PDB file of all heavy atoms in Angstrom:
ATOM      1  N   CYS A   1     145.890 104.255  56.169  1.00  0.00           N
ATOM      2  CA  CYS A   1     146.856 105.350  56.294  1.00  0.00           C
ATOM      3  C   CYS A   1     146.461 106.339  57.383  1.00  0.00           C
ATOM      4  O   CYS A   1     147.283 106.740  58.201  1.00  0.00           O
ATOM      5  CB  CYS A   1     147.003 106.060  54.955  1.00  0.00           C
ATOM      6  SG  CYS A   1     147.755 105.041  53.665  1.00  0.00           S
ATOM      7  N   TRP A   2     145.196 106.738  57.406  1.00  0.00           N
ATOM      8  CA  TRP A   2     144.756 107.683  58.425  1.00  0.00           C
ATOM      9  C   TRP A   2     144.849 107.061  59.818  1.00  0.00           C
ATOM     10  O   TRP A   2     145.160 107.750  60.787  1.00  0.00           O
ATOM     11  CB  TRP A   2     143.331 108.155  58.136  1.00  0.00           C
ATOM     12  CG  TRP A   2     143.246 109.122  57.002  1.00  0.00           C
ATOM     13  CD1 TRP A   2     144.176 109.336  56.025  1.00  0.00           C
ATOM     14  CD2 TRP A   2     142.161 110.002  56.718  1.00  0.00           C
ATOM     15  NE1 TRP A   2     143.739 110.296  55.147  1.00  0.00           N
ATOM     16  CE2 TRP A   2     142.510 110.718  55.535  1.00  0.00           C
ATOM     17  CE3 TRP A   2     140.932 110.247  57.314  1.00  0.00           C
ATOM     18  CZ2 TRP A   2     141.655 111.659  54.969  1.00  0.00           C
ATOM     19  CZ3 TRP A   2     140.090 111.201  56.759  1.00  0.00           C
ATOM     20  CH2 TRP A   2     140.450 111.894  55.595  1.00  0.00           C
ATOM     21  N   SER A   3     144.590 105.770  59.930  1.00  0.00           N
ATOM     22  CA  SER A   3     144.703 105.101  61.228  1.00  0.00           C
ATOM     23  C   SER A   3     146.153 105.064  61.694  1.00  0.00           C
ATOM     24  O   SER A   3     146.429 104.963  62.888  1.00  0.00           O
ATOM     25  CB  SER A   3     144.143 103.678  61.145  1.00  0.00           C
ATOM     26  OG  SER A   3     142.744 103.716  60.881  1.00  0.00           O
ATOM     27  N   ALA A   4     147.087 105.144  60.736  1.00  0.00           N
ATOM     28  CA  ALA A   4     148.516 105.185  61.077  1.00  0.00           C
ATOM     29  C   ALA A   4     149.005 106.616  61.241  1.00  0.00           C
ATOM     30  O   ALA A   4     150.195 106.860  61.454  1.00  0.00           O
ATOM     31  CB  ALA A   4     149.320 104.477  59.992  1.00  0.00           C
ATOM     32  N   GLY A   5     148.096 107.597  61.126  1.00  0.00           N
ATOM     33  CA  GLY A   5     148.451 108.994  61.321  1.00  0.00           C
ATOM     34  C   GLY A   5     149.068 109.656  60.119  1.00  0.00           C
ATOM     35  O   GLY A   5     149.745 110.676  60.243  1.00  0.00           O
ATOM     36  N   THR A   6     148.879 109.106  58.911  1.00  0.00           N
ATOM     37  CA  THR A   6     149.458 109.693  57.710  1.00  0.00           C
ATOM     38  C   THR A   6     148.367 110.029  56.696  1.00  0.00           C
ATOM     39  O   THR A   6     147.283 109.451  56.709  1.00  0.00           O
ATOM     40  CB  THR A   6     150.471 108.739  57.042  1.00  0.00           C
ATOM     41  OG1 THR A   6     149.776 107.580  56.563  1.00  0.00           O
ATOM     42  CG2 THR A   6     151.543 108.308  58.027  1.00  0.00           C
ATOM     43  N   ALA A   7     148.690 110.968  55.806  1.00  0.00           N
ATOM     44  CA  ALA A   7     147.759 111.364  54.753  1.00  0.00           C
ATOM     45  C   ALA A   7     148.559 112.019  53.636  1.00  0.00           C
ATOM     46  O   ALA A   7     149.672 112.507  53.862  1.00  0.00           O
ATOM     47  CB  ALA A   7     146.717 112.348  55.284  1.00  0.00           C
ATOM     48  N   THR A   8     148.006 112.009  52.431  1.00  0.00           N
ATOM     49  CA  THR A   8     148.629 112.705  51.302  1.00  0.00           C
ATOM     50  C   THR A   8     147.871 114.008  51.090  1.00  0.00           C
ATOM     51  O   THR A   8     146.712 114.000  50.683  1.00  0.00           O
ATOM     52  CB  THR A   8     148.588 111.845  50.027  1.00  0.00           C
ATOM     53  OG1 THR A   8     149.347 110.655  50.248  1.00  0.00           O
ATOM     54  CG2 THR A   8     149.182 112.597  48.852  1.00  0.00           C
ATOM     55  N   PHE A   9     148.529 115.125  51.384  1.00  0.00           N
ATOM     56  CA  PHE A   9     147.882 116.425  51.317  1.00  0.00           C
ATOM     57  C   PHE A   9     147.854 116.932  49.877  1.00  0.00           C
ATOM     58  O   PHE A   9     148.866 116.899  49.178  1.00  0.00           O
ATOM     59  CB  PHE A   9     148.622 117.420  52.213  1.00  0.00           C
ATOM     60  CG  PHE A   9     148.513 117.089  53.673  1.00  0.00           C
ATOM     61  CD1 PHE A   9     149.479 116.308  54.287  1.00  0.00           C
ATOM     62  CD2 PHE A   9     147.441 117.533  54.424  1.00  0.00           C
ATOM     63  CE1 PHE A   9     149.380 115.979  55.628  1.00  0.00           C
ATOM     64  CE2 PHE A   9     147.328 117.218  55.763  1.00  0.00           C
ATOM     65  CZ  PHE A   9     148.296 116.435  56.374  1.00  0.00           C
ATOM     66  N   MET A  10     146.697 117.413  49.456  1.00  0.00           N
ATOM     67  CA  MET A  10     146.521 117.930  48.111  1.00  0.00           C
ATOM     68  C   MET A  10     146.405 119.445  48.173  1.00  0.00           C
ATOM     69  O   MET A  10     145.504 119.981  48.817  1.00  0.00           O
ATOM     70  CB  MET A  10     145.266 117.327  47.463  1.00  0.00           C
ATOM     71  CG  MET A  10     145.120 117.685  45.989  1.00  0.00           C
ATOM     72  SD  MET A  10     143.821 116.729  45.171  1.00  0.00           S
ATOM     73  CE  MET A  10     142.351 117.498  45.894  1.00  0.00           C
ATOM     74  N   ILE A  11     147.342 120.123  47.514  1.00  0.00           N
ATOM     75  CA  ILE A  11     147.378 121.584  47.564  1.00  0.00           C
ATOM     76  C   ILE A  11     146.749 122.185  46.308  1.00  0.00           C
ATOM     77  O   ILE A  11     146.401 121.484  45.376  1.00  0.00           O
ATOM     78  CB  ILE A  11     148.813 122.099  47.759  1.00  0.00           C
ATOM     79  CG1 ILE A  11     149.689 121.759  46.549  1.00  0.00           C
ATOM     80  CG2 ILE A  11     149.430 121.512  49.029  1.00  0.00           C
ATOM     81  CD1 ILE A  11     151.089 122.399  46.584  1.00  0.00           C
ATOM     82  N   LEU A  12     146.593 123.500  46.339  1.00  0.00           N
ATOM     83  CA  LEU A  12     146.041 124.269  45.221  1.00  0.00           C
ATOM     84  C   LEU A  12     144.564 123.982  44.961  1.00  0.00           C
ATOM     85  O   LEU A  12     144.080 124.100  43.836  1.00  0.00           O
ATOM     86  CB  LEU A  12     146.870 124.035  43.943  1.00  0.00           C
ATOM     87  CG  LEU A  12     148.251 124.698  43.951  1.00  0.00           C
ATOM     88  CD1 LEU A  12     149.155 124.110  42.877  1.00  0.00           C
ATOM     89  CD2 LEU A  12     148.107 126.205  43.753  1.00  0.00           C
ATOM     90  N   GLY A  13     143.857 123.621  46.040  1.00  0.00           N
ATOM     91  CA  GLY A  13     142.414 123.432  45.932  1.00  0.00           C
ATOM     92  C   GLY A  13     142.000 122.026  45.571  1.00  0.00           C
ATOM     93  O   GLY A  13     142.822 121.104  45.530  1.00  0.00           O
ATOM     94  N   ASP A  14     140.715 121.862  45.311  1.00  0.00           N
ATOM     95  CA  ASP A  14     140.179 120.533  44.982  1.00  0.00           C
ATOM     96  C   ASP A  14     139.430 120.541  43.651  1.00  0.00           C
ATOM     97  O   ASP A  14     138.585 119.680  43.401  1.00  0.00           O
ATOM     98  CB  ASP A  14     139.267 120.032  46.103  1.00  0.00           C
ATOM     99  CG  ASP A  14     138.054 120.926  46.331  1.00  0.00           C
ATOM    100  OD1 ASP A  14     138.031 122.050  45.781  1.00  0.00           O
ATOM    101  OD2 ASP A  14     137.139 120.505  47.059  1.00  0.00           O
ATOM    102  N   LYS A  15     139.750 121.524  42.799  1.00  0.00           N
ATOM    103  CA  LYS A  15     139.136 121.601  41.464  1.00  0.00           C
ATOM    104  C   LYS A  15     140.254 121.600  40.432  1.00  0.00           C
ATOM    105  O   LYS A  15     141.180 122.404  40.510  1.00  0.00           O
ATOM    106  CB  LYS A  15     138.275 122.857  41.331  1.00  0.00           C
ATOM    107  CG  LYS A  15     137.138 122.953  42.347  1.00  0.00           C
ATOM    108  CD  LYS A  15     136.367 124.253  42.166  1.00  0.00           C
ATOM    109  CE  LYS A  15     135.263 124.390  43.216  1.00  0.00           C
ATOM    110  NZ  LYS A  15     135.825 124.608  44.562  1.00  0.00           N
ATOM    111  N   CYS A  16     140.147 120.718  39.462  1.00  0.00           N
ATOM    112  CA  CYS A  16     141.229 120.504  38.508  1.00  0.00           C
ATOM    113  C   CYS A  16     140.877 121.078  37.139  1.00  0.00           C
ATOM    114  O   CYS A  16     139.712 121.043  36.723  1.00  0.00           O
ATOM    115  CB  CYS A  16     141.511 119.007  38.386  1.00  0.00           C
ATOM    116  SG  CYS A  16     142.995 118.609  37.441  1.00  0.00           S
ATOM    117  N   THR A  17     141.889 121.591  36.435  1.00  0.00           N
ATOM    118  CA  THR A  17     141.654 122.133  35.101  1.00  0.00           C
ATOM    119  C   THR A  17     141.656 121.035  34.036  1.00  0.00           C
ATOM    120  O   THR A  17     141.383 121.311  32.869  1.00  0.00           O
ATOM    121  CB  THR A  17     142.724 123.182  34.744  1.00  0.00           C
ATOM    122  OG1 THR A  17     144.028 122.611  34.926  1.00  0.00           O
ATOM    123  CG2 THR A  17     142.572 124.414  35.613  1.00  0.00           C
ATOM    124  N   ARG A  18     141.969 119.822  34.434  1.00  0.00           N
ATOM    125  CA  ARG A  18     141.956 118.708  33.487  1.00  0.00           C
ATOM    126  C   ARG A  18     140.792 117.769  33.817  1.00  0.00           C
ATOM    127  O   ARG A  18     140.188 117.867  34.880  1.00  0.00           O
ATOM    128  CB  ARG A  18     143.294 117.969  33.495  1.00  0.00           C
ATOM    129  CG  ARG A  18     144.440 118.914  33.126  1.00  0.00           C
ATOM    130  CD  ARG A  18     145.760 118.227  32.933  1.00  0.00           C
ATOM    131  NE  ARG A  18     146.806 119.209  32.652  1.00  0.00           N
ATOM    132  CZ  ARG A  18     148.059 118.891  32.381  1.00  0.00           C
ATOM    133  NH1 ARG A  18     148.436 117.617  32.333  1.00  0.00           N
ATOM    134  NH2 ARG A  18     148.946 119.846  32.131  1.00  0.00           N
ATOM    135  N   ASN A  19     140.508 116.882  32.911  1.00  0.00           N
ATOM    136  CA  ASN A  19     139.340 116.015  33.071  1.00  0.00           C
ATOM    137  C   ASN A  19     139.715 114.572  32.756  1.00  0.00           C
ATOM    138  O   ASN A  19     139.176 113.952  31.841  1.00  0.00           O
ATOM    139  CB  ASN A  19     138.207 116.490  32.145  1.00  0.00           C
ATOM    140  CG  ASN A  19     136.910 115.761  32.393  1.00  0.00           C
ATOM    141  OD1 ASN A  19     136.659 115.282  33.501  1.00  0.00           O
ATOM    142  ND2 ASN A  19     136.086 115.644  31.375  1.00  0.00           N
ATOM    143  N   CYS A  20     140.669 114.053  33.520  1.00  0.00           N
ATOM    144  CA  CYS A  20     141.121 112.682  33.307  1.00  0.00           C
ATOM    145  C   CYS A  20     140.012 111.711  33.701  1.00  0.00           C
ATOM    146  O   CYS A  20     139.398 111.847  34.767  1.00  0.00           O
ATOM    147  CB  CYS A  20     142.371 112.413  34.126  1.00  0.00           C
ATOM    148  SG  CYS A  20     143.786 113.434  33.629  1.00  0.00           S
ATOM    149  N   ARG A  21     139.766 110.745  32.846  1.00  0.00           N
ATOM    150  CA  ARG A  21     138.596 109.885  33.008  1.00  0.00           C
ATOM    151  C   ARG A  21     138.738 108.847  34.109  1.00  0.00           C
ATOM    152  O   ARG A  21     137.760 108.182  34.471  1.00  0.00           O
ATOM    153  CB  ARG A  21     138.262 109.202  31.682  1.00  0.00           C
ATOM    154  CG  ARG A  21     137.854 110.190  30.586  1.00  0.00           C
ATOM    155  CD  ARG A  21     137.203 109.490  29.433  1.00  0.00           C
ATOM    156  NE  ARG A  21     135.989 108.793  29.847  1.00  0.00           N
ATOM    157  CZ  ARG A  21     135.608 107.613  29.377  1.00  0.00           C
ATOM    158  NH1 ARG A  21     136.356 106.985  28.484  1.00  0.00           N
ATOM    159  NH2 ARG A  21     134.493 107.051  29.788  1.00  0.00           N
ATOM    160  N   PHE A  22     139.928 108.692  34.677  1.00  0.00           N
ATOM    161  CA  PHE A  22     140.126 107.739  35.774  1.00  0.00           C
ATOM    162  C   PHE A  22     140.035 108.413  37.138  1.00  0.00           C
ATOM    163  O   PHE A  22     140.017 107.742  38.160  1.00  0.00           O
ATOM    164  CB  PHE A  22     141.498 107.065  35.654  1.00  0.00           C
ATOM    165  CG  PHE A  22     142.651 108.020  35.793  1.00  0.00           C
ATOM    166  CD1 PHE A  22     143.173 108.331  37.034  1.00  0.00           C
ATOM    167  CD2 PHE A  22     143.208 108.614  34.680  1.00  0.00           C
ATOM    168  CE1 PHE A  22     144.227 109.220  37.167  1.00  0.00           C
ATOM    169  CE2 PHE A  22     144.264 109.511  34.797  1.00  0.00           C
ATOM    170  CZ  PHE A  22     144.776 109.811  36.046  1.00  0.00           C
ATOM    171  N   CYS A  23     139.975 109.747  37.168  1.00  0.00           N
ATOM    172  CA  CYS A  23     140.165 110.510  38.400  1.00  0.00           C
ATOM    173  C   CYS A  23     138.843 110.997  38.988  1.00  0.00           C
ATOM    174  O   CYS A  23     137.923 111.374  38.258  1.00  0.00           O
ATOM    175  CB  CYS A  23     141.086 111.696  38.117  1.00  0.00           C
ATOM    176  SG  CYS A  23     141.550 112.618  39.592  1.00  0.00           S
ATOM    177  N   TYR A  24     138.797 111.034  40.325  1.00  0.00           N
ATOM    178  CA  TYR A  24     137.588 111.435  41.050  1.00  0.00           C
ATOM    179  C   TYR A  24     137.552 112.939  41.338  1.00  0.00           C
ATOM    180  O   TYR A  24     136.523 113.483  41.697  1.00  0.00           O
ATOM    181  CB  TYR A  24     137.524 110.657  42.371  1.00  0.00           C
ATOM    182  CG  TYR A  24     136.175 110.661  43.056  1.00  0.00           C
ATOM    183  CD1 TYR A  24     135.033 110.234  42.386  1.00  0.00           C
ATOM    184  CD2 TYR A  24     136.056 111.064  44.384  1.00  0.00           C
ATOM    185  CE1 TYR A  24     133.798 110.213  43.025  1.00  0.00           C
ATOM    186  CE2 TYR A  24     134.826 111.038  45.024  1.00  0.00           C
ATOM    187  CZ  TYR A  24     133.704 110.617  44.340  1.00  0.00           C
ATOM    188  OH  TYR A  24     132.484 110.590  44.964  1.00  0.00           O
ATOM    189  N   VAL A  25     138.721 113.602  41.192  1.00  0.00           N
ATOM    190  CA  VAL A  25     138.782 115.037  41.472  1.00  0.00           C
ATOM    191  C   VAL A  25     137.931 115.784  40.449  1.00  0.00           C
ATOM    192  O   VAL A  25     137.987 115.515  39.251  1.00  0.00           O
ATOM    193  CB  VAL A  25     140.235 115.541  41.426  1.00  0.00           C
ATOM    194  CG1 VAL A  25     140.285 117.049  41.665  1.00  0.00           C
ATOM    195  CG2 VAL A  25     141.080 114.817  42.470  1.00  0.00           C
ATOM    196  N   GLU A  26     137.150 116.751  40.920  1.00  0.00           N
ATOM    197  CA  GLU A  26     136.242 117.474  40.045  1.00  0.00           C
ATOM    198  C   GLU A  26     136.982 118.324  39.024  1.00  0.00           C
ATOM    199  O   GLU A  26     137.988 118.961  39.334  1.00  0.00           O
ATOM    200  CB  GLU A  26     135.322 118.382  40.872  1.00  0.00           C
ATOM    201  CG  GLU A  26     134.287 117.638  41.688  1.00  0.00           C
ATOM    202  CD  GLU A  26     133.324 118.599  42.353  1.00  0.00           C
ATOM    203  OE1 GLU A  26     133.777 119.357  43.236  1.00  0.00           O
ATOM    204  OE2 GLU A  26     132.135 118.601  41.986  1.00  0.00           O
ATOM    205  N   SER A  27     136.478 118.333  37.799  1.00  0.00           N
ATOM    206  CA  SER A  27     137.018 119.191  36.753  1.00  0.00           C
ATOM    207  C   SER A  27     136.136 120.436  36.655  1.00  0.00           C
ATOM    208  O   SER A  27     135.090 120.431  36.002  1.00  0.00           O
ATOM    209  CB  SER A  27     137.051 118.451  35.415  1.00  0.00           C
ATOM    210  OG  SER A  27     137.524 119.298  34.394  1.00  0.00           O
ATOM    211  N   LEU A  28     136.557 121.491  37.352  1.00  0.00           N
ATOM    212  CA  LEU A  28     135.803 122.739  37.408  1.00  0.00           C
ATOM    213  C   LEU A  28     136.775 123.911  37.379  1.00  0.00           C
ATOM    214  O   LEU A  28     137.989 123.727  37.541  1.00  0.00           O
ATOM    215  CB  LEU A  28     134.977 122.801  38.712  1.00  0.00           C
ATOM    216  CG  LEU A  28     133.866 121.761  38.895  1.00  0.00           C
ATOM    217  CD1 LEU A  28     133.359 121.819  40.320  1.00  0.00           C
ATOM    218  CD2 LEU A  28     132.737 122.015  37.910  1.00  0.00           C
TER     219      LEU A  28
END
């Protein structure tokens, strides 16, 4: 995707209030 010039932008920071066990985003 990045080589094609595209990306999925994630807003509202990179710390999540949930703690889903499949997800790599930090729960902080």
